[in-house]
PDB file of N, CA and C in Angstrom:
ATOM      1  N   VAL A   1     173.392 346.533 152.445  1.00  0.00           N
ATOM      2  CA  VAL A   1     174.338 345.638 152.150  1.00  0.00           C
ATOM      3  C   VAL A   1     175.235 345.487 153.542  1.00  0.00           C
ATOM      4  N   LEU A   2     175.598 346.539 154.184  1.00  0.00           N
ATOM      5  CA  LEU A   2     176.309 346.546 155.523  1.00  0.00           C
ATOM      6  C   LEU A   2     175.433 347.244 156.403  1.00  0.00           C
ATOM      7  N   ASP A   3     175.319 346.481 157.633  1.00  0.00           N
ATOM      8  CA  ASP A   3     174.869 347.138 158.851  1.00  0.00           C
ATOM      9  C   ASP A   3     175.783 347.342 159.904  1.00  0.00           C
ATOM     10  N   VAL A   4     175.736 348.561 160.505  1.00  0.00           N
ATOM     11  CA  VAL A   4     176.607 348.883 161.625  1.00  0.00           C
ATOM     12  C   VAL A   4     175.789 348.910 162.962  1.00  0.00           C
ATOM     13  N   ARG A   5     176.379 348.259 163.864  1.00  0.00           N
ATOM     14  CA  ARG A   5     175.611 348.185 165.236  1.00  0.00           C
ATOM     15  C   ARG A   5     176.759 348.494 166.389  1.00  0.00           C
ATOM     16  N   ILE A   6     176.343 349.037 167.474  1.00  0.00           N
ATOM     17  CA  ILE A   6     177.127 349.182 168.575  1.00  0.00           C
ATOM     18  C   ILE A   6     176.590 348.549 169.742  1.00  0.00           C
ATOM     19  N   PRO A   7     176.926 347.106 169.939  1.00  0.00           N
ATOM     20  CA  PRO A   7     176.262 346.282 170.849  1.00  0.00           C
ATOM     21  C   PRO A   7     176.902 346.523 172.195  1.00  0.00           C
ATOM     22  N   ALA A   8     177.975 347.220 172.396  1.00  0.00           N
ATOM     23  CA  ALA A   8     178.523 347.640 173.705  1.00  0.00           C
ATOM     24  C   ALA A   8     179.378 348.823 173.578  1.00  0.00           C
ATOM     25  N   PRO A   9     179.669 349.623 174.578  1.00  0.00           N
ATOM     26  CA  PRO A   9     180.632 350.692 174.552  1.00  0.00           C
ATOM     27  C   PRO A   9     181.924 350.253 173.973  1.00  0.00           C
ATOM     28  N   GLY A  10     182.384 350.997 173.005  1.00  0.00           N
ATOM     29  CA  GLY A  10     183.736 350.781 172.361  1.00  0.00           C
ATOM     30  C   GLY A  10     183.663 349.688 171.263  1.00  0.00           C
ATOM     31  N   VAL A  11     182.632 349.017 171.069  1.00  0.00           N
ATOM     32  CA  VAL A  11     182.507 347.910 170.255  1.00  0.00           C
ATOM     33  C   VAL A  11     181.533 348.331 168.977  1.00  0.00           C
ATOM     34  N   ALA A  12     182.190 348.110 167.696  1.00  0.00           N
ATOM     35  CA  ALA A  12     181.349 348.239 166.597  1.00  0.00           C
ATOM     36  C   ALA A  12     181.250 346.957 165.930  1.00  0.00           C
ATOM     37  N   GLU A  13     180.037 346.642 165.372  1.00  0.00           N
ATOM     38  CA  GLU A  13     179.908 345.468 164.645  1.00  0.00           C
ATOM     39  C   GLU A  13     179.510 345.805 163.244  1.00  0.00           C
ATOM     40  N   VAL A  14     180.236 345.393 162.165  1.00  0.00           N
ATOM     41  CA  VAL A  14     179.891 345.716 160.741  1.00  0.00           C
ATOM     42  C   VAL A  14     179.460 344.257 160.241  1.00  0.00           C
ATOM     43  N   ILE A  15     178.220 344.346 159.714  1.00  0.00           N
ATOM     44  CA  ILE A  15     177.601 343.091 159.365  1.00  0.00           C
ATOM     45  C   ILE A  15     177.237 342.948 157.837  1.00  0.00           C
ATOM     46  N   LEU A  16     177.657 341.869 157.241  1.00  0.00           N
ATOM     47  CA  LEU A  16     177.454 341.775 155.825  1.00  0.00           C
ATOM     48  C   LEU A  16     175.918 341.187 155.873  1.00  0.00           C
ATOM     49  N   ASN A  17     175.101 341.992 155.121  1.00  0.00           N
ATOM     50  CA  ASN A  17     173.634 341.561 155.337  1.00  0.00           C
ATOM     51  C   ASN A  17     172.892 341.364 154.078  1.00  0.00           C
ATOM     52  N   ARG A  18     173.343 340.265 153.341  1.00  0.00           N
ATOM     53  CA  ARG A  18     172.798 339.912 151.955  1.00  0.00           C
ATOM     54  C   ARG A  18     172.679 338.335 152.058  1.00  0.00           C
ATOM     55  N   PRO A  19     172.058 337.736 153.030  1.00  0.00           N
ATOM     56  CA  PRO A  19     172.131 336.388 153.149  1.00  0.00           C
ATOM     57  C   PRO A  19     171.545 335.683 152.059  1.00  0.00           C
ATOM     58  N   GLU A  20     170.534 336.249 151.107  1.00  0.00           N
ATOM     59  CA  GLU A  20     169.831 335.626 149.992  1.00  0.00           C
ATOM     60  C   GLU A  20     170.825 335.475 148.974  1.00  0.00           C
ATOM     61  N   THR A  21     171.972 336.249 148.934  1.00  0.00           N
ATOM     62  CA  THR A  21     173.178 335.978 147.862  1.00  0.00           C
ATOM     63  C   THR A  21     174.258 335.510 148.546  1.00  0.00           C
ATOM     64  N   PHE A  22     174.239 334.884 149.709  1.00  0.00           N
ATOM     65  CA  PHE A  22     175.411 334.341 150.563  1.00  0.00           C
ATOM     66  C   PHE A  22     176.429 335.407 150.806  1.00  0.00           C
ATOM     67  N   ASN A  23     175.872 336.701 150.963  1.00  0.00           N
ATOM     68  CA  ASN A  23     176.737 337.759 151.231  1.00  0.00           C
ATOM     69  C   ASN A  23     177.832 338.165 149.955  1.00  0.00           C
ATOM     70  N   ARG A  24     177.450 337.933 148.728  1.00  0.00           N
ATOM     71  CA  ARG A  24     178.319 338.094 147.622  1.00  0.00           C
ATOM     72  C   ARG A  24     178.673 339.562 147.771  1.00  0.00           C
ATOM     73  N   LEU A  25     180.023 339.859 147.350  1.00  0.00           N
ATOM     74  CA  LEU A  25     180.530 341.285 147.351  1.00  0.00           C
ATOM     75  C   LEU A  25     180.169 341.956 146.023  1.00  0.00           C
ATOM     76  N   GLY A  26     179.113 342.579 145.878  1.00  0.00           N
ATOM     77  CA  GLY A  26     178.723 343.415 144.640  1.00  0.00           C
ATOM     78  C   GLY A  26     179.087 344.794 144.689  1.00  0.00           C
ATOM     79  N   GLU A  27     178.562 345.537 143.774  1.00  0.00           N
ATOM     80  CA  GLU A  27     178.778 346.936 143.623  1.00  0.00           C
ATOM     81  C   GLU A  27     178.505 347.849 144.858  1.00  0.00           C
ATOM     82  N   LYS A  28     177.388 347.665 145.524  1.00  0.00           N
ATOM     83  CA  LYS A  28     177.099 348.400 146.699  1.00  0.00           C
ATOM     84  C   LYS A  28     178.065 348.119 147.753  1.00  0.00           C
ATOM     85  N   PHE A  29     178.400 346.848 147.953  1.00  0.00           N
ATOM     86  CA  PHE A  29     179.480 346.550 149.063  1.00  0.00           C
ATOM     87  C   PHE A  29     180.718 347.247 148.673  1.00  0.00           C
ATOM     88  N   TRP A  30     181.249 347.245 147.500  1.00  0.00           N
ATOM     89  CA  TRP A  30     182.469 347.914 147.290  1.00  0.00           C
ATOM     90  C   TRP A  30     182.341 349.462 147.288  1.00  0.00           C
ATOM     91  N   GLU A  31     181.199 349.998 147.336  1.00  0.00           N
ATOM     92  CA  GLU A  31     180.920 351.515 147.614  1.00  0.00           C
ATOM     93  C   GLU A  31     181.027 351.773 149.075  1.00  0.00           C
ATOM     94  N   GLU A  32     180.109 350.943 149.945  1.00  0.00           N
ATOM     95  CA  GLU A  32     179.877 351.078 151.235  1.00  0.00           C
ATOM     96  C   GLU A  32     180.934 350.705 152.222  1.00  0.00           C
ATOM     97  N   PHE A  33     181.573 349.688 151.875  1.00  0.00           N
ATOM     98  CA  PHE A  33     182.727 349.230 152.615  1.00  0.00           C
ATOM     99  C   PHE A  33     183.758 350.186 153.076  1.00  0.00           C
ATOM    100  N   PRO A  34     184.513 350.873 152.153  1.00  0.00           N
ATOM    101  CA  PRO A  34     185.508 351.814 152.568  1.00  0.00           C
ATOM    102  C   PRO A  34     184.853 353.079 153.410  1.00  0.00           C
ATOM    103  N   ARG A  35     183.729 353.459 153.018  1.00  0.00           N
ATOM    104  CA  ARG A  35     183.054 354.719 153.692  1.00  0.00           C
ATOM    105  C   ARG A  35     182.854 354.207 155.053  1.00  0.00           C
ATOM    106  N   CYS A  36     182.387 352.989 155.279  1.00  0.00           N
ATOM    107  CA  CYS A  36     181.885 352.453 156.659  1.00  0.00           C
ATOM    108  C   CYS A  36     183.163 352.408 157.499  1.00  0.00           C
ATOM    109  N   PHE A  37     184.286 351.872 157.022  1.00  0.00           N
ATOM    110  CA  PHE A  37     185.464 351.703 157.815  1.00  0.00           C
ATOM    111  C   PHE A  37     186.130 353.094 158.037  1.00  0.00           C
ATOM    112  N   GLU A  38     186.102 353.982 157.044  1.00  0.00           N
ATOM    113  CA  GLU A  38     186.747 355.280 157.342  1.00  0.00           C
ATOM    114  C   GLU A  38     185.976 356.012 158.341  1.00  0.00           C
ATOM    115  N   GLU A  39     184.667 355.895 158.422  1.00  0.00           N
ATOM    116  CA  GLU A  39     183.951 356.442 159.462  1.00  0.00           C
ATOM    117  C   GLU A  39     184.241 355.893 160.864  1.00  0.00           C
ATOM    118  N   ILE A  40     184.259 354.596 160.844  1.00  0.00           N
ATOM    119  CA  ILE A  40     184.615 353.894 162.016  1.00  0.00           C
ATOM    120  C   ILE A  40     186.011 354.310 162.565  1.00  0.00           C
ATOM    121  N   GLY A  41     186.978 354.497 161.636  1.00  0.00           N
ATOM    122  CA  GLY A  41     188.265 354.953 161.860  1.00  0.00           C
ATOM    123  C   GLY A  41     188.386 356.217 162.518  1.00  0.00           C
ATOM    124  N   ARG A  42     187.590 357.069 162.141  1.00  0.00           N
ATOM    125  CA  ARG A  42     187.551 358.355 162.739  1.00  0.00           C
ATOM    126  C   ARG A  42     186.879 358.520 164.152  1.00  0.00           C
ATOM    127  N   ASP A  43     186.090 357.372 164.546  1.00  0.00           N
ATOM    128  CA  ASP A  43     185.394 357.551 165.804  1.00  0.00           C
ATOM    129  C   ASP A  43     186.172 357.030 167.016  1.00  0.00           C
ATOM    130  N   LYS A  44     186.680 357.978 167.700  1.00  0.00           N
ATOM    131  CA  LYS A  44     187.603 357.829 168.836  1.00  0.00           C
ATOM    132  C   LYS A  44     186.862 357.012 169.988  1.00  0.00           C
ATOM    133  N   SER A  45     185.530 356.776 169.958  1.00  0.00           N
ATOM    134  CA  SER A  45     184.994 356.016 171.049  1.00  0.00           C
ATOM    135  C   SER A  45     184.708 354.521 170.476  1.00  0.00           C
ATOM    136  N   ILE A  46     185.220 354.143 169.346  1.00  0.00           N
ATOM    137  CA  ILE A  46     185.248 352.872 169.025  1.00  0.00           C
ATOM    138  C   ILE A  46     186.622 352.215 169.207  1.00  0.00           C
ATOM    139  N   TYR A  47     186.803 350.970 169.949  1.00  0.00           N
ATOM    140  CA  TYR A  47     188.044 350.529 170.262  1.00  0.00           C
ATOM    141  C   TYR A  47     188.349 349.154 169.535  1.00  0.00           C
ATOM    142  N   VAL A  48     187.343 348.502 169.150  1.00  0.00           N
ATOM    143  CA  VAL A  48     187.228 347.253 168.353  1.00  0.00           C
ATOM    144  C   VAL A  48     186.212 347.096 167.288  1.00  0.00           C
ATOM    145  N   VAL A  49     186.582 346.314 166.319  1.00  0.00           N
ATOM    146  CA  VAL A  49     185.452 346.180 165.230  1.00  0.00           C
ATOM    147  C   VAL A  49     185.336 344.648 165.140  1.00  0.00           C
ATOM    148  N   LEU A  50     183.976 344.295 164.964  1.00  0.00           N
ATOM    149  CA  LEU A  50     183.810 342.754 164.790  1.00  0.00           C
ATOM    150  C   LEU A  50     183.160 342.834 163.365  1.00  0.00           C
ATOM    151  N   LEU A  51     183.717 342.148 162.444  1.00  0.00           N
ATOM    152  CA  LEU A  51     183.239 342.033 161.184  1.00  0.00           C
ATOM    153  C   LEU A  51     182.427 340.539 161.024  1.00  0.00           C
ATOM    154  N   LYS A  52     181.159 340.704 160.844  1.00  0.00           N
ATOM    155  CA  LYS A  52     180.174 339.579 160.930  1.00  0.00           C
ATOM    156  C   LYS A  52     179.490 339.387 159.675  1.00  0.00           C
ATOM    157  N   ALA A  53     178.618 338.384 159.586  1.00  0.00           N
ATOM    158  CA  ALA A  53     177.741 338.238 158.515  1.00  0.00           C
ATOM    159  C   ALA A  53     176.374 337.536 158.918  1.00  0.00           C
ATOM    160  N   THR A  54     175.363 337.853 158.169  1.00  0.00           N
ATOM    161  CA  THR A  54     174.106 337.177 158.321  1.00  0.00           C
ATOM    162  C   THR A  54     174.040 336.009 157.452  1.00  0.00           C
ATOM    163  N   GLY A  55     173.129 334.870 157.845  1.00  0.00           N
ATOM    164  CA  GLY A  55     172.902 333.826 156.896  1.00  0.00           C
ATOM    165  C   GLY A  55     173.847 332.662 157.078  1.00  0.00           C
ATOM    166  N   LYS A  56     173.712 331.615 156.366  1.00  0.00           N
ATOM    167  CA  LYS A  56     174.414 330.259 156.414  1.00  0.00           C
ATOM    168  C   LYS A  56     175.923 330.414 156.211  1.00  0.00           C
ATOM    169  N   HIS A  57     176.272 331.356 155.289  1.00  0.00           N
ATOM    170  CA  HIS A  57     177.659 331.554 155.163  1.00  0.00           C
ATOM    171  C   HIS A  57     178.187 332.959 155.286  1.00  0.00           C
ATOM    172  N   PHE A  58     179.612 333.085 155.595  1.00  0.00           N
ATOM    173  CA  PHE A  58     180.072 334.520 155.831  1.00  0.00           C
ATOM    174  C   PHE A  58     180.111 335.163 154.529  1.00  0.00           C
ATOM    175  N   THR A  59     180.693 334.656 153.559  1.00  0.00           N
ATOM    176  CA  THR A  59     180.499 335.370 152.078  1.00  0.00           C
ATOM    177  C   THR A  59     180.942 334.355 151.040  1.00  0.00           C
ATOM    178  N   ALA A  60     180.276 334.518 150.000  1.00  0.00           N
ATOM    179  CA  ALA A  60     180.602 333.815 148.709  1.00  0.00           C
ATOM    180  C   ALA A  60     181.626 334.438 147.866  1.00  0.00           C
ATOM    181  N   GLY A  61     182.160 335.496 148.440  1.00  0.00           N
ATOM    182  CA  GLY A  61     183.297 336.306 147.661  1.00  0.00           C
ATOM    183  C   GLY A  61     182.712 337.239 146.640  1.00  0.00           C
ATOM    184  N   LEU A  62     183.435 337.666 145.667  1.00  0.00           N
ATOM    185  CA  LEU A  62     183.088 338.487 144.801  1.00  0.00           C
ATOM    186  C   LEU A  62     181.866 338.146 143.802  1.00  0.00           C
ATOM    187  N   ASP A  63     180.993 339.141 143.807  1.00  0.00           N
ATOM    188  CA  ASP A  63     179.816 338.939 142.951  1.00  0.00           C
ATOM    189  C   ASP A  63     180.243 338.825 141.550  1.00  0.00           C
ATOM    190  N   LEU A  64     180.241 337.605 140.865  1.00  0.00           N
ATOM    191  CA  LEU A  64     180.807 337.523 139.501  1.00  0.00           C
ATOM    192  C   LEU A  64     180.162 338.300 138.374  1.00  0.00           C
ATOM    193  N   GLN A  65     178.865 338.588 138.587  1.00  0.00           N
ATOM    194  CA  GLN A  65     178.203 339.485 137.622  1.00  0.00           C
ATOM    195  C   GLN A  65     178.708 340.859 137.820  1.00  0.00           C
ATOM    196  N   PHE A  66     178.983 341.412 138.812  1.00  0.00           N
ATOM    197  CA  PHE A  66     179.675 342.650 139.114  1.00  0.00           C
ATOM    198  C   PHE A  66     181.109 342.647 138.600  1.00  0.00           C
ATOM    199  N   GLY A  67     181.839 341.746 139.039  1.00  0.00           N
ATOM    200  CA  GLY A  67     183.177 341.475 138.686  1.00  0.00           C
ATOM    201  C   GLY A  67     183.429 341.381 137.116  1.00  0.00           C
ATOM    202  N   GLY A  68     182.642 340.606 136.637  1.00  0.00           N
ATOM    203  CA  GLY A  68     182.589 340.474 135.081  1.00  0.00           C
ATOM    204  C   GLY A  68     182.349 341.749 134.402  1.00  0.00           C
ATOM    205  N   SER A  69     181.384 342.592 134.801  1.00  0.00           N
ATOM    206  CA  SER A  69     181.181 343.729 134.258  1.00  0.00           C
ATOM    207  C   SER A  69     182.256 344.810 134.360  1.00  0.00           C
ATOM    208  N   MET A  70     182.830 344.766 135.520  1.00  0.00           N
ATOM    209  CA  MET A  70     183.981 345.641 136.018  1.00  0.00           C
ATOM    210  C   MET A  70     185.259 345.401 135.013  1.00  0.00           C
ATOM    211  N   LEU A  71     185.419 344.163 134.804  1.00  0.00           N
ATOM    212  CA  LEU A  71     186.501 343.524 133.989  1.00  0.00           C
ATOM    213  C   LEU A  71     186.335 343.627 132.489  1.00  0.00           C
ATOM    214  N   SER A  72     185.168 343.478 132.107  1.00  0.00           N
ATOM    215  CA  SER A  72     185.037 343.353 130.479  1.00  0.00           C
ATOM    216  C   SER A  72     185.221 344.651 129.984  1.00  0.00           C
ATOM    217  N   SER A  73     185.678 344.549 128.728  1.00  0.00           N
ATOM    218  CA  SER A  73     185.933 345.802 127.949  1.00  0.00           C
ATOM    219  C   SER A  73     185.188 345.542 126.531  1.00  0.00           C
ATOM    220  N   LYS A  74     184.879 346.494 126.061  1.00  0.00           N
ATOM    221  CA  LYS A  74     184.219 346.410 124.687  1.00  0.00           C
ATOM    222  C   LYS A  74     185.294 346.674 123.606  1.00  0.00           C
ATOM    223  N   VAL A  75     186.538 346.892 123.981  1.00  0.00           N
ATOM    224  CA  VAL A  75     187.519 347.326 123.249  1.00  0.00           C
ATOM    225  C   VAL A  75     188.360 345.970 122.726  1.00  0.00           C
ATOM    226  N   ASP A  76     188.720 345.774 121.594  1.00  0.00           N
ATOM    227  CA  ASP A  76     189.457 344.701 121.136  1.00  0.00           C
ATOM    228  C   ASP A  76     190.765 344.959 121.083  1.00  0.00           C
ATOM    229  N   ASP A  77     191.390 345.368 122.265  1.00  0.00           N
ATOM    230  CA  ASP A  77     192.778 345.741 122.320  1.00  0.00           C
ATOM    231  C   ASP A  77     193.400 345.207 123.622  1.00  0.00           C
ATOM    232  N   PRO A  78     194.318 344.060 123.521  1.00  0.00           N
ATOM    233  CA  PRO A  78     194.706 343.543 124.673  1.00  0.00           C
ATOM    234  C   PRO A  78     195.410 344.533 125.660  1.00  0.00           C
ATOM    235  N   ALA A  79     196.229 345.540 125.289  1.00  0.00           N
ATOM    236  CA  ALA A  79     196.751 346.493 126.022  1.00  0.00           C
ATOM    237  C   ALA A  79     195.677 347.262 126.914  1.00  0.00           C
ATOM    238  N   ARG A  80     194.658 347.747 126.214  1.00  0.00           N
ATOM    239  CA  ARG A  80     193.645 348.584 126.873  1.00  0.00           C
ATOM    240  C   ARG A  80     192.845 347.674 127.862  1.00  0.00           C
ATOM    241  N   ASN A  81     192.628 346.406 127.487  1.00  0.00           N
ATOM    242  CA  ASN A  81     191.943 345.348 128.427  1.00  0.00           C
ATOM    243  C   ASN A  81     192.771 345.136 129.612  1.00  0.00           C
ATOM    244  N   GLY A  82     194.104 345.073 129.328  1.00  0.00           N
ATOM    245  CA  GLY A  82     194.902 344.914 130.429  1.00  0.00           C
ATOM    246  C   GLY A  82     194.915 346.121 131.578  1.00  0.00           C
ATOM    247  N   ILE A  83     194.903 347.325 130.913  1.00  0.00           N
ATOM    248  CA  ILE A  83     194.939 348.561 131.848  1.00  0.00           C
ATOM    249  C   ILE A  83     193.525 348.452 132.509  1.00  0.00           C
ATOM    250  N   LYS A  84     192.493 348.208 131.896  1.00  0.00           N
ATOM    251  CA  LYS A  84     191.148 348.084 132.529  1.00  0.00           C
ATOM    252  C   LYS A  84     191.124 347.186 133.689  1.00  0.00           C
ATOM    253  N   PHE A  85     191.795 345.996 133.368  1.00  0.00           N
ATOM    254  CA  PHE A  85     191.848 344.812 134.545  1.00  0.00           C
ATOM    255  C   PHE A  85     192.770 345.440 135.715  1.00  0.00           C
ATOM    256  N   LEU A  86     193.793 346.138 135.391  1.00  0.00           N
ATOM    257  CA  LEU A  86     194.763 346.620 136.434  1.00  0.00           C
ATOM    258  C   LEU A  86     194.003 347.717 137.257  1.00  0.00           C
ATOM    259  N   GLU A  87     193.238 348.669 136.646  1.00  0.00           N
ATOM    260  CA  GLU A  87     192.377 349.580 137.287  1.00  0.00           C
ATOM    261  C   GLU A  87     191.343 349.016 138.157  1.00  0.00           C
ATOM    262  N   THR A  88     190.822 347.991 137.714  1.00  0.00           N
ATOM    263  CA  THR A  88     189.690 347.410 138.488  1.00  0.00           C
ATOM    264  C   THR A  88     190.191 346.786 139.818  1.00  0.00           C
ATOM    265  N   VAL A  89     191.391 345.943 139.531  1.00  0.00           N
ATOM    266  CA  VAL A  89     191.954 345.374 140.677  1.00  0.00           C
ATOM    267  C   VAL A  89     192.437 346.322 141.700  1.00  0.00           C
ATOM    268  N   LYS A  90     192.991 347.469 141.274  1.00  0.00           N
ATOM    269  CA  LYS A  90     193.472 348.560 142.134  1.00  0.00           C
ATOM    270  C   LYS A  90     192.294 349.219 142.948  1.00  0.00           C
ATOM    271  N   TYR A  91     191.151 349.348 142.315  1.00  0.00           N
ATOM    272  CA  TYR A  91     189.967 349.888 142.836  1.00  0.00           C
ATOM    273  C   TYR A  91     189.341 348.830 144.041  1.00  0.00           C
ATOM    274  N   LEU A  92     189.360 347.503 143.822  1.00  0.00           N
ATOM    275  CA  LEU A  92     188.941 346.582 144.697  1.00  0.00           C
ATOM    276  C   LEU A  92     189.864 346.618 145.899  1.00  0.00           C
ATOM    277  N   GLN A  93     191.230 346.629 145.548  1.00  0.00           N
ATOM    278  CA  GLN A  93     192.179 346.554 146.656  1.00  0.00           C
ATOM    279  C   GLN A  93     192.220 347.844 147.499  1.00  0.00           C
ATOM    280  N   LYS A  94     192.090 348.978 146.900  1.00  0.00           N
ATOM    281  CA  LYS A  94     191.840 350.135 147.768  1.00  0.00           C
ATOM    282  C   LYS A  94     190.721 350.038 148.645  1.00  0.00           C
ATOM    283  N   SER A  95     189.632 349.617 148.147  1.00  0.00           N
ATOM    284  CA  SER A  95     188.452 349.633 148.987  1.00  0.00           C
ATOM    285  C   SER A  95     188.657 348.541 150.083  1.00  0.00           C
ATOM    286  N   SER A  96     189.179 347.353 149.818  1.00  0.00           N
ATOM    287  CA  SER A  96     189.503 346.378 150.984  1.00  0.00           C
ATOM    288  C   SER A  96     190.642 346.789 151.936  1.00  0.00           C
ATOM    289  N   ASP A  97     191.597 347.566 151.370  1.00  0.00           N
ATOM    290  CA  ASP A  97     192.729 347.978 152.307  1.00  0.00           C
ATOM    291  C   ASP A  97     192.171 349.063 153.282  1.00  0.00           C
ATOM    292  N   THR A  98     191.054 349.511 153.243  1.00  0.00           N
ATOM    293  CA  THR A  98     190.550 350.458 154.185  1.00  0.00           C
ATOM    294  C   THR A  98     190.557 349.958 155.526  1.00  0.00           C
ATOM    295  N   ILE A  99     190.210 348.548 155.641  1.00  0.00           N
ATOM    296  CA  ILE A  99     190.183 347.882 156.859  1.00  0.00           C
ATOM    297  C   ILE A  99     191.595 347.856 157.625  1.00  0.00           C
ATOM    298  N   ALA A 100     192.653 347.850 156.919  1.00  0.00           N
ATOM    299  CA  ALA A 100     193.993 347.836 157.461  1.00  0.00           C
ATOM    300  C   ALA A 100     194.459 349.315 157.874  1.00  0.00           C
ATOM    301  N   ARG A 101     193.820 350.420 157.264  1.00  0.00           N
ATOM    302  CA  ARG A 101     194.222 351.663 157.639  1.00  0.00           C
ATOM    303  C   ARG A 101     193.627 352.351 158.715  1.00  0.00           C
ATOM    304  N   ILE A 102     192.566 351.612 159.350  1.00  0.00           N
ATOM    305  CA  ILE A 102     191.972 352.214 160.526  1.00  0.00           C
ATOM    306  C   ILE A 102     192.742 351.815 161.699  1.00  0.00           C
ATOM    307  N   PRO A 103     192.746 352.602 162.770  1.00  0.00           N
ATOM    308  CA  PRO A 103     193.543 352.367 163.995  1.00  0.00           C
ATOM    309  C   PRO A 103     193.040 351.186 164.774  1.00  0.00           C
ATOM    310  N   GLN A 104     191.728 350.979 164.766  1.00  0.00           N
ATOM    311  CA  GLN A 104     191.134 349.778 165.598  1.00  0.00           C
ATOM    312  C   GLN A 104     191.328 348.495 165.034  1.00  0.00           C
ATOM    313  N   PRO A 105     191.611 347.464 165.861  1.00  0.00           N
ATOM    314  CA  PRO A 105     191.718 346.220 165.392  1.00  0.00           C
ATOM    315  C   PRO A 105     190.331 345.680 164.888  1.00  0.00           C
ATOM    316  N   VAL A 106     190.409 344.760 163.966  1.00  0.00           N
ATOM    317  CA  VAL A 106     189.269 344.233 163.260  1.00  0.00           C
ATOM    318  C   VAL A 106     189.164 342.752 163.371  1.00  0.00           C
ATOM    319  N   ILE A 107     188.232 342.197 163.946  1.00  0.00           N
ATOM    320  CA  ILE A 107     188.052 340.702 164.214  1.00  0.00           C
ATOM    321  C   ILE A 107     187.191 340.205 163.323  1.00  0.00           C
ATOM    322  N   ALA A 108     187.456 339.268 162.392  1.00  0.00           N
ATOM    323  CA  ALA A 108     186.495 338.634 161.476  1.00  0.00           C
ATOM    324  C   ALA A 108     185.822 337.366 162.150  1.00  0.00           C
ATOM    325  N   CYS A 109     184.595 337.578 162.372  1.00  0.00           N
ATOM    326  CA  CYS A 109     183.821 336.404 162.958  1.00  0.00           C
ATOM    327  C   CYS A 109     183.252 335.552 161.918  1.00  0.00           C
ATOM    328  N   ILE A 110     184.067 334.607 161.367  1.00  0.00           N
ATOM    329  CA  ILE A 110     183.677 333.939 160.169  1.00  0.00           C
ATOM    330  C   ILE A 110     182.916 332.652 160.566  1.00  0.00           C
ATOM    331  N   HIS A 111     181.819 332.280 159.813  1.00  0.00           N
ATOM    332  CA  HIS A 111     181.096 331.164 159.964  1.00  0.00           C
ATOM    333  C   HIS A 111     180.729 330.727 158.559  1.00  0.00           C
ATOM    334  N   GLY A 112     180.493 329.245 158.551  1.00  0.00           N
ATOM    335  CA  GLY A 112     180.150 328.618 157.358  1.00  0.00           C
ATOM    336  C   GLY A 112     181.190 328.849 156.174  1.00  0.00           C
ATOM    337  N   GLY A 113     180.712 329.058 154.924  1.00  0.00           N
ATOM    338  CA  GLY A 113     181.747 329.282 153.741  1.00  0.00           C
ATOM    339  C   GLY A 113     182.243 330.682 153.892  1.00  0.00           C
ATOM    340  N   CYS A 114     183.575 330.777 153.483  1.00  0.00           N
ATOM    341  CA  CYS A 114     184.022 331.998 153.389  1.00  0.00           C
ATOM    342  C   CYS A 114     185.020 332.067 152.170  1.00  0.00           C
ATOM    343  N   ILE A 115     184.562 332.583 150.989  1.00  0.00           N
ATOM    344  CA  ILE A 115     185.152 332.454 149.625  1.00  0.00           C
ATOM    345  C   ILE A 115     186.131 333.663 149.382  1.00  0.00           C
ATOM    346  N   GLY A 116     187.131 333.632 148.923  1.00  0.00           N
ATOM    347  CA  GLY A 116     187.943 334.835 148.660  1.00  0.00           C
ATOM    348  C   GLY A 116     187.262 335.777 147.839  1.00  0.00           C
ATOM    349  N   GLY A 117     187.743 337.029 147.757  1.00  0.00           N
ATOM    350  CA  GLY A 117     187.052 338.099 147.060  1.00  0.00           C
ATOM    351  C   GLY A 117     187.170 339.213 147.648  1.00  0.00           C
TER     352      GLY A 117
END
């Protein structure tokens, strides 16, 4: 899902690489993304990160199949469903916040469509 390249000294490229799905953000993405940026954040030889994508579009956003499965609950209890929703949002937010916690600046090289998610 993510490829990491070092095209020049001090520069890391993190590349969304699922062009066949317009780089939808699915389960593997949410697992790999925080690990990838935590590792880069610890690397003192990296000074800047370029966030890129392959294919026609940067990203189609959250993979709705994945998102739907994370948000759905088999329990017919609005309170428990609300808690599950909140836990899911916190998980996704914690993963994406990793990019803000690293010391290196991150430049998003957006092309084509870029849908939230």
